[in-house]
Amino acid sequence: MIKDHPIFLESIRFIKSNLIKNNFNYLENKVLERLVHTSGDFNIQKLLEFSEGACEKAVKSLKAGAPILTDTDMAAAAIKSMAKNTNGNSVVSAKQWFNDKDLSGLTKTAYGIEKGWIELSAKNSESQSPIIVIGSSPTALINLLKILQNSQQIPSLIIGMPVGFIGVRQSKKELLNTNYPRIVVNSTRGGAAMAAAAVNALLRETI
């Protein structure tokens, strides 16, 4: 059971009353509210993009037990409490696979996301396909998109919110050019906290 702090509830009421009218559906607006709350920035509304039905597919998969794979321990830590208090989904970060010596020329995070996806997707059916959360590493996102081209399974959702200046816009553009279920914050904005907030908003809707 989730018991929200009165200040949090007041913040959400304030956010709702100050959002610009939009065409987002119920679940998309729940994600938007949490992202604005986490960032303290109403401009997020102009940068946020959803593929059609992405939130609905993610909630359905979370209810079915889909695991959540993140690019950083920080994002995983921000999600674990909500996962435990809602649907009990497992949450793991790419760091779990950092001990391998042969990274195949990839960054550690890109390698970890690749190995994590291969392992978790093999263990879970299509209805429980992993949710991938990228809040820091554009190289992890770009490499994920490459390996998915030859994968028989796709993620239930890809959160594309790497933050920074090198490769960030490119990675998001590549994700937006796919048909994968996705939530993207355009521009250089993003980060582990925001990526986790998007997942947490959806986890709340599983109960």
N, C-alpha and C. Protein backbone atom coordinates (compact mmCIF):
# COMPACT_ATOMS: atom_id res chain seq x y z
N MET A 1 0.84 -1.20 0.00
CA MET A 1 0.00 0.00 0.00
C MET A 1 0.88 1.25 0.00
N ILE A 2 0.51 2.22 -0.82
CA ILE A 2 1.28 3.45 -0.92
C ILE A 2 0.60 4.55 -0.11
N LYS A 3 1.35 5.15 0.80
CA LYS A 3 0.85 6.28 1.57
C LYS A 3 1.64 7.51 1.17
N ASP A 4 1.01 8.38 0.40
CA ASP A 4 1.70 9.56 -0.09
C ASP A 4 1.76 10.64 0.97
N HIS A 5 2.91 11.33 1.02
CA HIS A 5 3.07 12.45 1.95
C HIS A 5 2.18 13.60 1.51
N PRO A 6 1.60 14.33 2.44
CA PRO A 6 0.72 15.46 2.09
C PRO A 6 1.39 16.48 1.17
N ILE A 7 2.69 16.70 1.35
CA ILE A 7 3.39 17.66 0.49
C ILE A 7 3.44 17.16 -0.95
N PHE A 8 3.65 15.85 -1.12
CA PHE A 8 3.65 15.26 -2.46
C PHE A 8 2.29 15.45 -3.11
N LEU A 9 1.23 15.15 -2.37
CA LEU A 9 -0.12 15.29 -2.91
C LEU A 9 -0.42 16.74 -3.28
N GLU A 10 0.04 17.66 -2.43
CA GLU A 10 -0.17 19.09 -2.73
C GLU A 10 0.59 19.48 -4.00
N SER A 11 1.80 18.93 -4.14
CA SER A 11 2.61 19.23 -5.32
C SER A 11 1.93 18.74 -6.60
N ILE A 12 1.38 17.53 -6.55
CA ILE A 12 0.71 16.98 -7.72
C ILE A 12 -0.52 17.81 -8.07
N ARG A 13 -1.26 18.24 -7.06
CA ARG A 13 -2.43 19.10 -7.32
C ARG A 13 -2.00 20.40 -7.99
N PHE A 14 -0.91 20.97 -7.50
CA PHE A 14 -0.38 22.21 -8.08
C PHE A 14 0.03 21.99 -9.53
N ILE A 15 0.72 20.88 -9.78
CA ILE A 15 1.17 20.57 -11.15
C ILE A 15 -0.03 20.41 -12.07
N LYS A 16 -1.03 19.64 -11.66
CA LYS A 16 -2.22 19.43 -12.49
C LYS A 16 -2.89 20.75 -12.85
N SER A 17 -2.95 21.66 -11.89
CA SER A 17 -3.66 22.92 -12.11
C SER A 17 -2.87 23.88 -12.99
N ASN A 18 -1.59 23.59 -13.21
CA ASN A 18 -0.76 24.51 -13.99
C ASN A 18 -0.26 23.93 -15.30
N LEU A 19 -0.62 22.70 -15.59
CA LEU A 19 -0.23 22.12 -16.87
C LEU A 19 -1.03 22.75 -18.02
N ILE A 20 -0.38 22.86 -19.16
CA ILE A 20 -1.07 23.34 -20.36
C ILE A 20 -1.97 22.22 -20.87
N LYS A 21 -3.13 22.57 -21.40
CA LYS A 21 -4.04 21.57 -21.95
C LYS A 21 -3.31 20.76 -23.02
N ASN A 22 -3.47 19.44 -22.98
CA ASN A 22 -2.75 18.59 -23.92
C ASN A 22 -3.63 17.45 -24.43
N ASN A 23 -3.06 16.66 -25.33
CA ASN A 23 -3.79 15.52 -25.90
C ASN A 23 -3.33 14.19 -25.31
N PHE A 24 -2.58 14.24 -24.22
CA PHE A 24 -2.13 13.01 -23.58
C PHE A 24 -3.32 12.29 -22.94
N ASN A 25 -3.25 10.96 -22.91
CA ASN A 25 -4.30 10.20 -22.23
C ASN A 25 -4.00 10.12 -20.73
N TYR A 26 -4.84 9.37 -20.02
CA TYR A 26 -4.73 9.30 -18.56
C TYR A 26 -3.34 8.86 -18.10
N LEU A 27 -2.84 7.73 -18.62
CA LEU A 27 -1.54 7.22 -18.18
C LEU A 27 -0.41 8.15 -18.59
N GLU A 28 -0.50 8.71 -19.77
CA GLU A 28 0.55 9.63 -20.23
C GLU A 28 0.61 10.86 -19.34
N ASN A 29 -0.54 11.35 -18.91
CA ASN A 29 -0.55 12.50 -18.01
C ASN A 29 0.00 12.15 -16.64
N LYS A 30 -0.20 10.91 -16.19
CA LYS A 30 0.38 10.49 -14.92
C LYS A 30 1.91 10.51 -15.00
N VAL A 31 2.45 10.06 -16.12
CA VAL A 31 3.90 10.11 -16.33
C VAL A 31 4.37 11.56 -16.38
N LEU A 32 3.64 12.38 -17.12
CA LEU A 32 4.00 13.80 -17.23
C LEU A 32 4.03 14.46 -15.86
N GLU A 33 3.02 14.22 -15.04
CA GLU A 33 2.97 14.84 -13.71
C GLU A 33 4.18 14.46 -12.87
N ARG A 34 4.56 13.18 -12.93
CA ARG A 34 5.72 12.75 -12.14
C ARG A 34 7.02 13.33 -12.66
N LEU A 35 7.12 13.49 -13.98
CA LEU A 35 8.33 14.06 -14.55
C LEU A 35 8.46 15.54 -14.21
N VAL A 36 7.35 16.25 -14.24
CA VAL A 36 7.37 17.66 -13.84
C VAL A 36 7.71 17.78 -12.36
N HIS A 37 7.13 16.91 -11.56
CA HIS A 37 7.41 16.92 -10.12
C HIS A 37 8.89 16.65 -9.85
N THR A 38 9.47 15.69 -10.56
CA THR A 38 10.87 15.32 -10.34
C THR A 38 11.83 16.39 -10.82
N SER A 39 11.51 17.00 -11.96
CA SER A 39 12.42 17.99 -12.55
C SER A 39 12.17 19.41 -12.06
N GLY A 40 10.95 19.65 -11.56
CA GLY A 40 10.59 21.01 -11.17
C GLY A 40 10.45 21.94 -12.36
N ASP A 41 10.15 21.36 -13.53
CA ASP A 41 10.17 22.14 -14.76
C ASP A 41 8.95 21.80 -15.63
N PHE A 42 8.06 22.76 -15.82
CA PHE A 42 6.88 22.54 -16.64
C PHE A 42 7.22 22.43 -18.13
N ASN A 43 8.42 22.85 -18.53
CA ASN A 43 8.82 22.75 -19.93
C ASN A 43 8.97 21.31 -20.40
N ILE A 44 9.03 20.37 -19.45
CA ILE A 44 9.12 18.95 -19.80
C ILE A 44 7.94 18.54 -20.68
N GLN A 45 6.80 19.19 -20.46
CA GLN A 45 5.60 18.85 -21.23
C GLN A 45 5.85 19.00 -22.73
N LYS A 46 6.65 19.99 -23.12
CA LYS A 46 6.90 20.24 -24.54
C LYS A 46 7.91 19.25 -25.13
N LEU A 47 8.65 18.57 -24.27
CA LEU A 47 9.73 17.68 -24.72
C LEU A 47 9.35 16.21 -24.69
N LEU A 48 8.21 15.90 -24.09
CA LEU A 48 7.83 14.52 -23.83
C LEU A 48 7.10 13.90 -25.02
N GLU A 49 7.54 12.72 -25.42
CA GLU A 49 6.90 11.99 -26.52
C GLU A 49 6.63 10.54 -26.13
N PHE A 50 5.45 10.07 -26.48
CA PHE A 50 5.05 8.68 -26.25
C PHE A 50 4.74 8.02 -27.59
N SER A 51 5.12 6.76 -27.73
CA SER A 51 4.58 6.01 -28.87
C SER A 51 3.17 5.57 -28.48
N GLU A 52 2.34 5.34 -29.47
CA GLU A 52 0.93 5.01 -29.20
C GLU A 52 0.80 3.71 -28.40
N GLY A 53 0.08 3.80 -27.29
CA GLY A 53 -0.18 2.63 -26.47
C GLY A 53 0.98 2.17 -25.61
N ALA A 54 2.06 2.94 -25.58
CA ALA A 54 3.26 2.51 -24.83
C ALA A 54 2.98 2.34 -23.35
N CYS A 55 2.29 3.28 -22.75
CA CYS A 55 2.02 3.21 -21.31
C CYS A 55 1.10 2.05 -20.97
N GLU A 56 0.09 1.84 -21.81
CA GLU A 56 -0.86 0.76 -21.58
C GLU A 56 -0.16 -0.60 -21.67
N LYS A 57 0.70 -0.74 -22.67
CA LYS A 57 1.46 -1.99 -22.84
C LYS A 57 2.38 -2.22 -21.64
N ALA A 58 3.02 -1.15 -21.16
CA ALA A 58 3.94 -1.28 -20.03
C ALA A 58 3.21 -1.69 -18.77
N VAL A 59 2.07 -1.08 -18.49
CA VAL A 59 1.30 -1.43 -17.29
C VAL A 59 0.85 -2.89 -17.34
N LYS A 60 0.40 -3.31 -18.50
CA LYS A 60 -0.03 -4.71 -18.67
C LYS A 60 1.13 -5.66 -18.41
N SER A 61 2.30 -5.33 -18.93
CA SER A 61 3.48 -6.18 -18.75
C SER A 61 3.96 -6.18 -17.31
N LEU A 62 3.91 -5.02 -16.67
CA LEU A 62 4.30 -4.94 -15.26
C LEU A 62 3.38 -5.79 -14.40
N LYS A 63 2.09 -5.76 -14.70
CA LYS A 63 1.14 -6.59 -13.96
C LYS A 63 1.43 -8.07 -14.17
N ALA A 64 1.98 -8.42 -15.34
CA ALA A 64 2.30 -9.82 -15.65
C ALA A 64 3.64 -10.24 -15.07
N GLY A 65 4.37 -9.28 -14.47
CA GLY A 65 5.63 -9.61 -13.81
C GLY A 65 6.88 -9.25 -14.56
N ALA A 66 6.79 -8.38 -15.54
CA ALA A 66 7.97 -7.99 -16.32
C ALA A 66 9.07 -7.41 -15.44
N PRO A 67 10.33 -7.84 -15.64
CA PRO A 67 11.44 -7.26 -14.90
C PRO A 67 11.80 -5.89 -15.46
N ILE A 68 12.52 -5.11 -14.69
CA ILE A 68 12.92 -3.76 -15.08
C ILE A 68 14.45 -3.71 -15.09
N LEU A 69 15.02 -3.38 -16.24
CA LEU A 69 16.48 -3.30 -16.41
C LEU A 69 16.88 -1.85 -16.61
N THR A 70 17.78 -1.36 -15.75
CA THR A 70 18.20 0.04 -15.81
C THR A 70 19.68 0.16 -16.19
N ASP A 71 20.05 1.34 -16.65
CA ASP A 71 21.45 1.54 -17.04
C ASP A 71 22.33 1.93 -15.85
N THR A 72 21.74 2.33 -14.75
CA THR A 72 22.54 2.73 -13.58
C THR A 72 21.94 2.20 -12.29
N ASP A 73 22.81 2.05 -11.29
CA ASP A 73 22.35 1.68 -9.95
C ASP A 73 21.43 2.76 -9.38
N MET A 74 21.70 4.02 -9.73
CA MET A 74 20.90 5.13 -9.21
C MET A 74 19.44 5.00 -9.65
N ALA A 75 19.25 4.70 -10.93
CA ALA A 75 17.88 4.53 -11.43
C ALA A 75 17.22 3.32 -10.78
N ALA A 76 17.97 2.22 -10.65
CA ALA A 76 17.43 1.02 -10.03
C ALA A 76 17.00 1.29 -8.60
N ALA A 77 17.84 2.02 -7.85
CA ALA A 77 17.54 2.32 -6.46
C ALA A 77 16.28 3.17 -6.34
N ALA A 78 16.07 4.06 -7.30
CA ALA A 78 14.90 4.94 -7.27
C ALA A 78 13.61 4.21 -7.62
N ILE A 79 13.72 3.05 -8.25
CA ILE A 79 12.55 2.28 -8.67
C ILE A 79 12.20 1.16 -7.69
N LYS A 80 13.21 0.59 -7.03
CA LYS A 80 13.00 -0.62 -6.23
C LYS A 80 11.93 -0.48 -5.15
N SER A 81 11.89 0.65 -4.49
CA SER A 81 10.90 0.83 -3.42
C SER A 81 9.48 0.82 -3.98
N MET A 82 9.27 1.52 -5.09
CA MET A 82 7.94 1.56 -5.70
C MET A 82 7.56 0.18 -6.23
N ALA A 83 8.52 -0.53 -6.82
CA ALA A 83 8.25 -1.87 -7.32
C ALA A 83 7.84 -2.80 -6.18
N LYS A 84 8.55 -2.70 -5.07
CA LYS A 84 8.25 -3.54 -3.91
C LYS A 84 6.87 -3.24 -3.35
N ASN A 85 6.49 -1.96 -3.33
CA ASN A 85 5.22 -1.56 -2.73
C ASN A 85 4.03 -1.65 -3.66
N THR A 86 4.28 -2.03 -4.91
CA THR A 86 3.17 -2.14 -5.87
C THR A 86 3.04 -3.57 -6.37
N ASN A 87 3.81 -3.91 -7.42
CA ASN A 87 3.61 -5.19 -8.08
C ASN A 87 4.71 -6.21 -7.81
N GLY A 88 5.78 -5.77 -7.14
CA GLY A 88 6.86 -6.69 -6.79
C GLY A 88 7.78 -7.07 -7.94
N ASN A 89 7.83 -6.27 -9.00
CA ASN A 89 8.70 -6.57 -10.13
C ASN A 89 10.16 -6.51 -9.73
N SER A 90 10.97 -7.38 -10.30
CA SER A 90 12.41 -7.34 -10.04
C SER A 90 13.03 -6.16 -10.77
N VAL A 91 14.03 -5.55 -10.15
CA VAL A 91 14.72 -4.39 -10.73
C VAL A 91 16.21 -4.66 -10.68
N VAL A 92 16.87 -4.66 -11.83
CA VAL A 92 18.31 -4.90 -11.89
C VAL A 92 18.97 -3.85 -12.76
N SER A 93 20.24 -3.57 -12.48
CA SER A 93 20.97 -2.59 -13.28
C SER A 93 22.03 -3.27 -14.13
N ALA A 94 22.50 -2.55 -15.13
CA ALA A 94 23.52 -3.08 -16.05
C ALA A 94 24.80 -3.47 -15.31
N LYS A 95 25.02 -2.88 -14.14
CA LYS A 95 26.24 -3.14 -13.38
C LYS A 95 26.40 -4.62 -13.04
N GLN A 96 25.30 -5.34 -13.00
CA GLN A 96 25.35 -6.77 -12.68
C GLN A 96 26.24 -7.54 -13.65
N TRP A 97 26.45 -7.00 -14.85
CA TRP A 97 27.24 -7.69 -15.87
C TRP A 97 28.57 -7.01 -16.13
N PHE A 98 29.00 -6.09 -15.24
CA PHE A 98 30.24 -5.36 -15.45
C PHE A 98 31.49 -6.21 -15.24
N ASN A 99 31.38 -7.36 -14.59
CA ASN A 99 32.56 -8.16 -14.26
C ASN A 99 33.14 -8.90 -15.45
N ASP A 100 32.40 -9.01 -16.53
CA ASP A 100 32.92 -9.68 -17.71
C ASP A 100 34.13 -8.91 -18.24
N LYS A 101 35.16 -9.65 -18.62
CA LYS A 101 36.40 -9.02 -19.07
C LYS A 101 36.33 -8.53 -20.51
N ASP A 102 35.63 -9.26 -21.37
CA ASP A 102 35.54 -8.90 -22.77
C ASP A 102 34.29 -8.06 -23.03
N LEU A 103 34.48 -6.76 -23.20
CA LEU A 103 33.35 -5.86 -23.40
C LEU A 103 33.04 -5.64 -24.88
N SER A 104 33.77 -6.32 -25.74
CA SER A 104 33.54 -6.25 -27.19
C SER A 104 33.61 -4.82 -27.72
N GLY A 105 34.47 -4.01 -27.12
CA GLY A 105 34.65 -2.64 -27.58
C GLY A 105 33.57 -1.68 -27.14
N LEU A 106 32.65 -2.12 -26.29
CA LEU A 106 31.55 -1.28 -25.83
C LEU A 106 31.89 -0.61 -24.51
N THR A 107 31.15 0.43 -24.17
CA THR A 107 31.23 0.96 -22.81
C THR A 107 30.66 -0.09 -21.87
N LYS A 108 31.01 0.00 -20.60
CA LYS A 108 30.52 -0.99 -19.63
C LYS A 108 29.00 -1.01 -19.59
N THR A 109 28.39 0.17 -19.62
CA THR A 109 26.94 0.23 -19.51
C THR A 109 26.27 -0.33 -20.75
N ALA A 110 26.80 -0.01 -21.92
CA ALA A 110 26.23 -0.56 -23.16
C ALA A 110 26.32 -2.08 -23.16
N TYR A 111 27.46 -2.60 -22.70
CA TYR A 111 27.65 -4.05 -22.63
C TYR A 111 26.68 -4.66 -21.61
N GLY A 112 26.56 -4.01 -20.46
CA GLY A 112 25.68 -4.52 -19.40
C GLY A 112 24.23 -4.55 -19.82
N ILE A 113 23.77 -3.51 -20.51
CA ILE A 113 22.39 -3.48 -21.00
C ILE A 113 22.18 -4.58 -22.03
N GLU A 114 23.16 -4.79 -22.90
CA GLU A 114 23.04 -5.85 -23.92
C GLU A 114 22.93 -7.22 -23.27
N LYS A 115 23.85 -7.52 -22.35
CA LYS A 115 23.83 -8.83 -21.70
C LYS A 115 22.60 -8.98 -20.83
N GLY A 116 22.20 -7.90 -20.18
CA GLY A 116 21.01 -7.95 -19.34
C GLY A 116 19.76 -8.22 -20.17
N TRP A 117 19.65 -7.56 -21.30
CA TRP A 117 18.51 -7.79 -22.18
C TRP A 117 18.47 -9.23 -22.67
N ILE A 118 19.61 -9.73 -23.12
CA ILE A 118 19.66 -11.10 -23.65
C ILE A 118 19.25 -12.10 -22.58
N GLU A 119 19.76 -11.92 -21.37
CA GLU A 119 19.45 -12.86 -20.29
C GLU A 119 18.00 -12.76 -19.83
N LEU A 120 17.53 -11.54 -19.61
CA LEU A 120 16.18 -11.36 -19.08
C LEU A 120 15.11 -11.68 -20.11
N SER A 121 15.34 -11.34 -21.36
CA SER A 121 14.34 -11.63 -22.39
C SER A 121 14.22 -13.13 -22.62
N ALA A 122 15.33 -13.84 -22.43
CA ALA A 122 15.29 -15.30 -22.60
C ALA A 122 14.50 -15.97 -21.48
N LYS A 123 14.46 -15.33 -20.31
CA LYS A 123 13.79 -15.91 -19.15
C LYS A 123 12.31 -15.54 -19.08
N ASN A 124 11.90 -14.54 -19.86
CA ASN A 124 10.54 -14.04 -19.75
C ASN A 124 9.82 -14.10 -21.09
N SER A 125 8.54 -14.42 -21.04
CA SER A 125 7.74 -14.50 -22.26
C SER A 125 7.51 -13.10 -22.82
N GLU A 126 6.91 -13.06 -24.00
CA GLU A 126 6.64 -11.77 -24.64
C GLU A 126 5.74 -10.90 -23.78
N SER A 127 4.80 -11.49 -23.07
CA SER A 127 3.89 -10.72 -22.23
C SER A 127 4.59 -10.15 -21.00
N GLN A 128 5.78 -10.72 -20.68
CA GLN A 128 6.56 -10.24 -19.54
C GLN A 128 7.90 -9.68 -20.01
N SER A 129 7.97 -9.24 -21.25
CA SER A 129 9.23 -8.74 -21.80
C SER A 129 9.76 -7.58 -20.96
N PRO A 130 11.06 -7.53 -20.70
CA PRO A 130 11.63 -6.51 -19.81
C PRO A 130 11.33 -5.08 -20.24
N ILE A 131 11.26 -4.23 -19.25
CA ILE A 131 11.20 -2.78 -19.47
C ILE A 131 12.61 -2.25 -19.31
N ILE A 132 13.09 -1.49 -20.30
CA ILE A 132 14.45 -0.98 -20.30
C ILE A 132 14.43 0.50 -19.95
N VAL A 133 15.22 0.88 -18.96
CA VAL A 133 15.23 2.26 -18.46
C VAL A 133 16.62 2.87 -18.67
N ILE A 134 16.70 3.83 -19.58
CA ILE A 134 17.97 4.51 -19.88
C ILE A 134 17.86 5.97 -19.45
N GLY A 135 18.60 6.33 -18.40
CA GLY A 135 18.56 7.69 -17.90
C GLY A 135 19.90 8.39 -17.95
N SER A 136 20.95 7.66 -18.34
CA SER A 136 22.29 8.25 -18.31
C SER A 136 23.13 7.97 -19.54
N SER A 137 23.01 6.79 -20.11
CA SER A 137 23.96 6.33 -21.12
C SER A 137 23.39 6.27 -22.53
N PRO A 138 23.75 7.25 -23.38
CA PRO A 138 23.30 7.17 -24.78
C PRO A 138 23.92 6.00 -25.52
N THR A 139 25.14 5.61 -25.15
CA THR A 139 25.76 4.46 -25.83
C THR A 139 25.00 3.18 -25.54
N ALA A 140 24.44 3.07 -24.34
CA ALA A 140 23.64 1.89 -23.99
C ALA A 140 22.37 1.85 -24.82
N LEU A 141 21.76 3.01 -25.02
CA LEU A 141 20.53 3.09 -25.81
C LEU A 141 20.81 2.74 -27.28
N ILE A 142 21.87 3.30 -27.84
CA ILE A 142 22.20 3.04 -29.24
C ILE A 142 22.53 1.57 -29.44
N ASN A 143 23.29 0.98 -28.52
CA ASN A 143 23.64 -0.43 -28.67
C ASN A 143 22.41 -1.33 -28.51
N LEU A 144 21.52 -0.96 -27.59
CA LEU A 144 20.28 -1.73 -27.42
C LEU A 144 19.50 -1.76 -28.72
N LEU A 145 19.38 -0.62 -29.38
CA LEU A 145 18.62 -0.56 -30.63
C LEU A 145 19.26 -1.42 -31.71
N LYS A 146 20.58 -1.51 -31.69
CA LYS A 146 21.29 -2.35 -32.67
C LYS A 146 20.97 -3.82 -32.46
N ILE A 147 21.05 -4.27 -31.21
CA ILE A 147 20.85 -5.70 -30.97
C ILE A 147 19.38 -6.10 -31.12
N LEU A 148 18.48 -5.15 -30.92
CA LEU A 148 17.06 -5.46 -31.08
C LEU A 148 16.69 -5.75 -32.54
N GLN A 149 17.52 -5.26 -33.46
CA GLN A 149 17.25 -5.52 -34.88
C GLN A 149 17.29 -7.01 -35.20
N ASN A 150 18.06 -7.76 -34.41
CA ASN A 150 18.17 -9.20 -34.64
C ASN A 150 17.54 -10.02 -33.52
N SER A 151 16.73 -9.36 -32.71
CA SER A 151 16.09 -10.03 -31.58
C SER A 151 14.68 -10.47 -31.97
N GLN A 152 14.27 -11.63 -31.49
CA GLN A 152 12.92 -12.11 -31.76
C GLN A 152 11.91 -11.51 -30.80
N GLN A 153 12.39 -10.76 -29.83
CA GLN A 153 11.52 -10.15 -28.83
C GLN A 153 11.87 -8.68 -28.70
N ILE A 154 10.92 -7.86 -28.35
CA ILE A 154 11.19 -6.44 -28.11
C ILE A 154 10.79 -6.11 -26.68
N PRO A 155 11.37 -5.05 -26.11
CA PRO A 155 11.01 -4.66 -24.75
C PRO A 155 9.55 -4.25 -24.65
N SER A 156 8.98 -4.44 -23.47
CA SER A 156 7.62 -3.95 -23.23
C SER A 156 7.59 -2.43 -23.30
N LEU A 157 8.71 -1.83 -22.95
CA LEU A 157 8.82 -0.37 -22.99
C LEU A 157 10.30 0.00 -22.94
N ILE A 158 10.67 1.05 -23.67
CA ILE A 158 12.00 1.64 -23.55
C ILE A 158 11.82 3.07 -23.06
N ILE A 159 12.42 3.36 -21.92
CA ILE A 159 12.47 4.74 -21.41
C ILE A 159 13.75 5.36 -21.96
N GLY A 160 13.62 6.28 -22.89
CA GLY A 160 14.79 6.91 -23.51
C GLY A 160 15.01 8.31 -22.97
N MET A 161 15.74 8.40 -21.86
CA MET A 161 15.96 9.70 -21.22
C MET A 161 17.42 9.90 -20.80
N PRO A 162 18.40 9.50 -21.66
CA PRO A 162 19.79 9.80 -21.29
C PRO A 162 20.00 11.31 -21.24
N VAL A 163 20.87 11.74 -20.36
CA VAL A 163 21.10 13.17 -20.17
C VAL A 163 22.52 13.52 -20.63
N GLY A 164 22.70 14.72 -21.15
CA GLY A 164 24.04 15.15 -21.52
C GLY A 164 24.11 15.73 -22.92
N PHE A 165 25.33 15.80 -23.46
CA PHE A 165 25.53 16.50 -24.72
C PHE A 165 26.15 15.63 -25.82
N ILE A 166 26.92 14.61 -25.45
CA ILE A 166 27.59 13.80 -26.45
C ILE A 166 26.76 12.55 -26.77
N GLY A 167 26.22 12.50 -27.96
CA GLY A 167 25.46 11.34 -28.40
C GLY A 167 24.05 11.25 -27.88
N VAL A 168 23.63 12.17 -27.04
CA VAL A 168 22.31 12.08 -26.41
C VAL A 168 21.18 12.32 -27.41
N ARG A 169 21.26 13.42 -28.14
CA ARG A 169 20.21 13.72 -29.11
C ARG A 169 20.13 12.63 -30.18
N GLN A 170 21.30 12.14 -30.62
CA GLN A 170 21.34 11.11 -31.65
C GLN A 170 20.65 9.83 -31.17
N SER A 171 20.94 9.44 -29.93
CA SER A 171 20.36 8.20 -29.40
C SER A 171 18.84 8.31 -29.31
N LYS A 172 18.35 9.46 -28.89
CA LYS A 172 16.90 9.66 -28.79
C LYS A 172 16.25 9.69 -30.17
N LYS A 173 16.93 10.32 -31.13
CA LYS A 173 16.41 10.36 -32.49
C LYS A 173 16.29 8.95 -33.06
N GLU A 174 17.31 8.11 -32.80
CA GLU A 174 17.28 6.74 -33.29
C GLU A 174 16.11 5.96 -32.68
N LEU A 175 15.87 6.18 -31.39
CA LEU A 175 14.75 5.51 -30.73
C LEU A 175 13.42 5.98 -31.32
N LEU A 176 13.29 7.27 -31.54
CA LEU A 176 12.05 7.81 -32.08
C LEU A 176 11.77 7.33 -33.50
N ASN A 177 12.81 6.89 -34.19
CA ASN A 177 12.64 6.38 -35.56
C ASN A 177 12.29 4.90 -35.60
N THR A 178 12.06 4.29 -34.45
CA THR A 178 11.67 2.89 -34.38
C THR A 178 10.18 2.76 -34.10
N ASN A 179 9.71 1.53 -34.12
CA ASN A 179 8.31 1.26 -33.76
C ASN A 179 8.20 0.66 -32.36
N TYR A 180 9.29 0.70 -31.60
CA TYR A 180 9.27 0.11 -30.26
C TYR A 180 8.43 0.97 -29.31
N PRO A 181 7.75 0.36 -28.35
CA PRO A 181 7.03 1.14 -27.33
C PRO A 181 8.03 1.97 -26.54
N ARG A 182 7.79 3.26 -26.43
CA ARG A 182 8.82 4.14 -25.88
C ARG A 182 8.23 5.39 -25.23
N ILE A 183 9.01 5.92 -24.30
CA ILE A 183 8.76 7.25 -23.73
C ILE A 183 10.08 7.99 -23.83
N VAL A 184 10.07 9.16 -24.44
CA VAL A 184 11.30 9.91 -24.68
C VAL A 184 11.14 11.34 -24.19
N VAL A 185 12.17 11.85 -23.52
CA VAL A 185 12.27 13.28 -23.24
C VAL A 185 13.29 13.84 -24.22
N ASN A 186 12.81 14.62 -25.17
CA ASN A 186 13.69 15.16 -26.20
C ASN A 186 14.68 16.18 -25.62
N SER A 187 15.63 16.58 -26.46
CA SER A 187 16.69 17.52 -26.11
C SER A 187 17.77 16.83 -25.30
N THR A 188 18.57 17.60 -24.60
CA THR A 188 19.65 17.05 -23.77
C THR A 188 19.17 16.71 -22.37
N ARG A 189 17.90 16.96 -22.10
CA ARG A 189 17.34 16.72 -20.77
C ARG A 189 17.15 15.24 -20.50
N GLY A 190 17.11 14.89 -19.22
CA GLY A 190 16.87 13.51 -18.82
C GLY A 190 17.53 13.24 -17.48
N GLY A 191 18.02 12.02 -17.31
CA GLY A 191 18.71 11.65 -16.08
C GLY A 191 18.05 10.48 -15.38
N ALA A 192 18.78 9.88 -14.46
CA ALA A 192 18.30 8.70 -13.74
C ALA A 192 17.02 8.98 -12.97
N ALA A 193 16.95 10.14 -12.33
CA ALA A 193 15.77 10.46 -11.51
C ALA A 193 14.52 10.57 -12.37
N MET A 194 14.66 11.20 -13.53
CA MET A 194 13.50 11.36 -14.41
C MET A 194 13.08 10.03 -15.02
N ALA A 195 14.05 9.25 -15.46
CA ALA A 195 13.74 7.94 -16.05
C ALA A 195 13.03 7.05 -15.03
N ALA A 196 13.52 7.07 -13.80
CA ALA A 196 12.89 6.29 -12.73
C ALA A 196 11.50 6.80 -12.41
N ALA A 197 11.32 8.12 -12.46
CA ALA A 197 10.01 8.71 -12.16
C ALA A 197 8.96 8.24 -13.16
N ALA A 198 9.36 8.09 -14.42
CA ALA A 198 8.42 7.63 -15.44
C ALA A 198 7.96 6.20 -15.15
N VAL A 199 8.91 5.35 -14.77
CA VAL A 199 8.55 3.96 -14.43
C VAL A 199 7.69 3.92 -13.18
N ASN A 200 8.06 4.72 -12.18
CA ASN A 200 7.30 4.73 -10.94
C ASN A 200 5.85 5.17 -11.15
N ALA A 201 5.65 6.10 -12.07
CA ALA A 201 4.29 6.55 -12.38
C ALA A 201 3.47 5.39 -12.93
N LEU A 202 4.09 4.56 -13.75
CA LEU A 202 3.39 3.40 -14.32
C LEU A 202 3.20 2.29 -13.30
N LEU A 203 4.18 2.09 -12.44
CA LEU A 203 4.04 1.08 -11.40
C LEU A 203 2.87 1.37 -10.48
N ARG A 204 2.65 2.65 -10.21
CA ARG A 204 1.52 3.05 -9.34
C ARG A 204 0.19 2.62 -9.94
N GLU A 205 0.15 2.51 -11.26
CA GLU A 205 -1.10 2.16 -11.94
C GLU A 205 -1.32 0.65 -12.03
N THR A 206 -0.41 -0.14 -11.44
CA THR A 206 -0.58 -1.59 -11.46
C THR A 206 -1.38 -2.10 -10.27
N ILE A 207 -1.71 -1.21 -9.33
CA ILE A 207 -2.41 -1.64 -8.13
C ILE A 207 -3.84 -1.08 -8.11
